[in-house]
Amino acid sequence: MTRNESETRAELISPKLTLDGWGVIEHSIIRRENKQERTCFTLKIK
């Protein structure tokens, strides 16, 4: 199955991040960063 970037994020990446506890802490956000042809995700807690 071929996915575009948006579908990959929605179907594979976001659910895994949530299962691992990312973004479920109160006042936390998941930030997407594009660096040198790589996509990194960081968890920020206010």
N, C-alpha and C. Protein backbone atom coordinates (compact mmCIF):
# COMPACT_ATOMS: atom_id res chain seq x y z
N MET A 1 0.84 -1.18 0.00
CA MET A 1 0.00 0.00 0.00
C MET A 1 0.89 1.24 0.00
N THR A 2 0.62 2.15 -0.87
CA THR A 2 1.36 3.39 -0.95
C THR A 2 0.61 4.48 -0.19
N ARG A 3 1.32 5.16 0.71
CA ARG A 3 0.73 6.24 1.49
C ARG A 3 1.45 7.54 1.18
N ASN A 4 0.72 8.63 1.24
CA ASN A 4 1.40 9.92 1.16
C ASN A 4 1.83 10.31 2.58
N GLU A 5 2.51 11.44 2.70
CA GLU A 5 3.04 11.84 4.01
C GLU A 5 1.94 12.04 5.05
N SER A 6 0.85 12.65 4.65
CA SER A 6 -0.26 12.89 5.57
C SER A 6 -0.89 11.59 6.06
N GLU A 7 -1.08 10.65 5.16
CA GLU A 7 -1.66 9.35 5.54
C GLU A 7 -0.72 8.57 6.45
N THR A 8 0.58 8.63 6.16
CA THR A 8 1.55 7.95 7.00
C THR A 8 1.51 8.50 8.42
N ARG A 9 1.46 9.80 8.54
CA ARG A 9 1.39 10.42 9.87
C ARG A 9 0.12 10.01 10.60
N ALA A 10 -1.02 10.10 9.91
CA ALA A 10 -2.31 9.80 10.54
C ALA A 10 -2.47 8.32 10.89
N GLU A 11 -2.01 7.44 10.02
CA GLU A 11 -2.25 6.01 10.20
C GLU A 11 -1.16 5.27 10.99
N LEU A 12 0.06 5.75 10.93
CA LEU A 12 1.16 5.02 11.56
C LEU A 12 1.87 5.78 12.68
N ILE A 13 2.24 7.01 12.42
CA ILE A 13 3.08 7.73 13.37
C ILE A 13 2.30 8.23 14.58
N SER A 14 1.23 8.98 14.34
CA SER A 14 0.47 9.56 15.46
C SER A 14 -0.07 8.52 16.43
N PRO A 15 -0.66 7.41 15.95
CA PRO A 15 -1.14 6.40 16.90
C PRO A 15 -0.02 5.80 17.75
N LYS A 16 1.15 5.59 17.16
CA LYS A 16 2.27 5.03 17.92
C LYS A 16 2.77 6.02 18.96
N LEU A 17 2.87 7.30 18.60
CA LEU A 17 3.29 8.30 19.57
C LEU A 17 2.32 8.36 20.75
N THR A 18 1.03 8.30 20.46
CA THR A 18 0.02 8.32 21.52
C THR A 18 0.13 7.10 22.42
N LEU A 19 0.32 5.93 21.83
CA LEU A 19 0.48 4.70 22.63
C LEU A 19 1.70 4.78 23.54
N ASP A 20 2.73 5.47 23.09
CA ASP A 20 3.95 5.62 23.89
C ASP A 20 3.87 6.77 24.89
N GLY A 21 2.70 7.42 24.99
CA GLY A 21 2.49 8.45 25.99
C GLY A 21 2.73 9.87 25.51
N TRP A 22 3.11 10.04 24.26
CA TRP A 22 3.36 11.39 23.75
C TRP A 22 2.04 12.11 23.56
N GLY A 23 1.97 13.33 24.07
CA GLY A 23 0.79 14.16 23.87
C GLY A 23 -0.37 13.85 24.79
N VAL A 24 -0.22 12.89 25.69
CA VAL A 24 -1.32 12.57 26.60
C VAL A 24 -1.14 13.22 27.96
N ILE A 25 0.02 13.79 28.20
CA ILE A 25 0.27 14.52 29.43
C ILE A 25 -0.41 15.89 29.30
N GLU A 26 -1.04 16.34 30.35
CA GLU A 26 -1.73 17.62 30.31
C GLU A 26 -0.78 18.74 29.89
N HIS A 27 -1.22 19.59 29.00
CA HIS A 27 -0.48 20.74 28.48
C HIS A 27 0.71 20.34 27.60
N SER A 28 0.73 19.13 27.08
CA SER A 28 1.84 18.73 26.22
C SER A 28 1.41 18.79 24.75
N ILE A 29 2.38 18.99 23.89
CA ILE A 29 2.12 19.01 22.45
C ILE A 29 3.22 18.22 21.75
N ILE A 30 2.90 17.70 20.57
CA ILE A 30 3.88 17.03 19.74
C ILE A 30 4.25 17.98 18.62
N ARG A 31 5.52 18.28 18.50
CA ARG A 31 5.99 19.21 17.48
C ARG A 31 6.76 18.44 16.42
N ARG A 32 6.45 18.71 15.18
CA ARG A 32 7.12 18.07 14.06
C ARG A 32 8.19 19.01 13.52
N GLU A 33 9.41 18.49 13.35
CA GLU A 33 10.51 19.30 12.84
C GLU A 33 11.13 18.60 11.64
N ASN A 34 11.36 19.34 10.58
CA ASN A 34 12.03 18.79 9.40
C ASN A 34 13.47 19.26 9.41
N LYS A 35 14.40 18.33 9.47
CA LYS A 35 15.82 18.65 9.52
C LYS A 35 16.57 17.80 8.50
N GLN A 36 17.18 18.44 7.56
CA GLN A 36 18.06 17.78 6.59
C GLN A 36 17.46 16.47 6.07
N GLU A 37 16.31 16.57 5.45
CA GLU A 37 15.62 15.44 4.83
C GLU A 37 15.17 14.37 5.83
N ARG A 38 15.14 14.70 7.11
CA ARG A 38 14.61 13.79 8.13
C ARG A 38 13.50 14.51 8.87
N THR A 39 12.54 13.78 9.33
CA THR A 39 11.48 14.37 10.14
C THR A 39 11.68 13.87 11.56
N CYS A 40 11.75 14.79 12.51
CA CYS A 40 11.90 14.46 13.91
C CYS A 40 10.66 14.94 14.67
N PHE A 41 10.35 14.27 15.75
CA PHE A 41 9.23 14.68 16.57
C PHE A 41 9.76 14.98 17.97
N THR A 42 9.32 16.07 18.56
CA THR A 42 9.70 16.41 19.91
C THR A 42 8.45 16.59 20.75
N LEU A 43 8.54 16.23 22.01
CA LEU A 43 7.44 16.39 22.95
C LEU A 43 7.73 17.61 23.79
N LYS A 44 6.79 18.55 23.84
CA LYS A 44 6.96 19.76 24.64
C LYS A 44 5.89 19.76 25.72
N ILE A 45 6.32 19.96 26.95
CA ILE A 45 5.40 20.05 28.06
C ILE A 45 5.52 21.44 28.64
N LYS A 46 4.40 22.15 28.69
CA LYS A 46 4.40 23.53 29.19
C LYS A 46 4.41 23.54 30.70
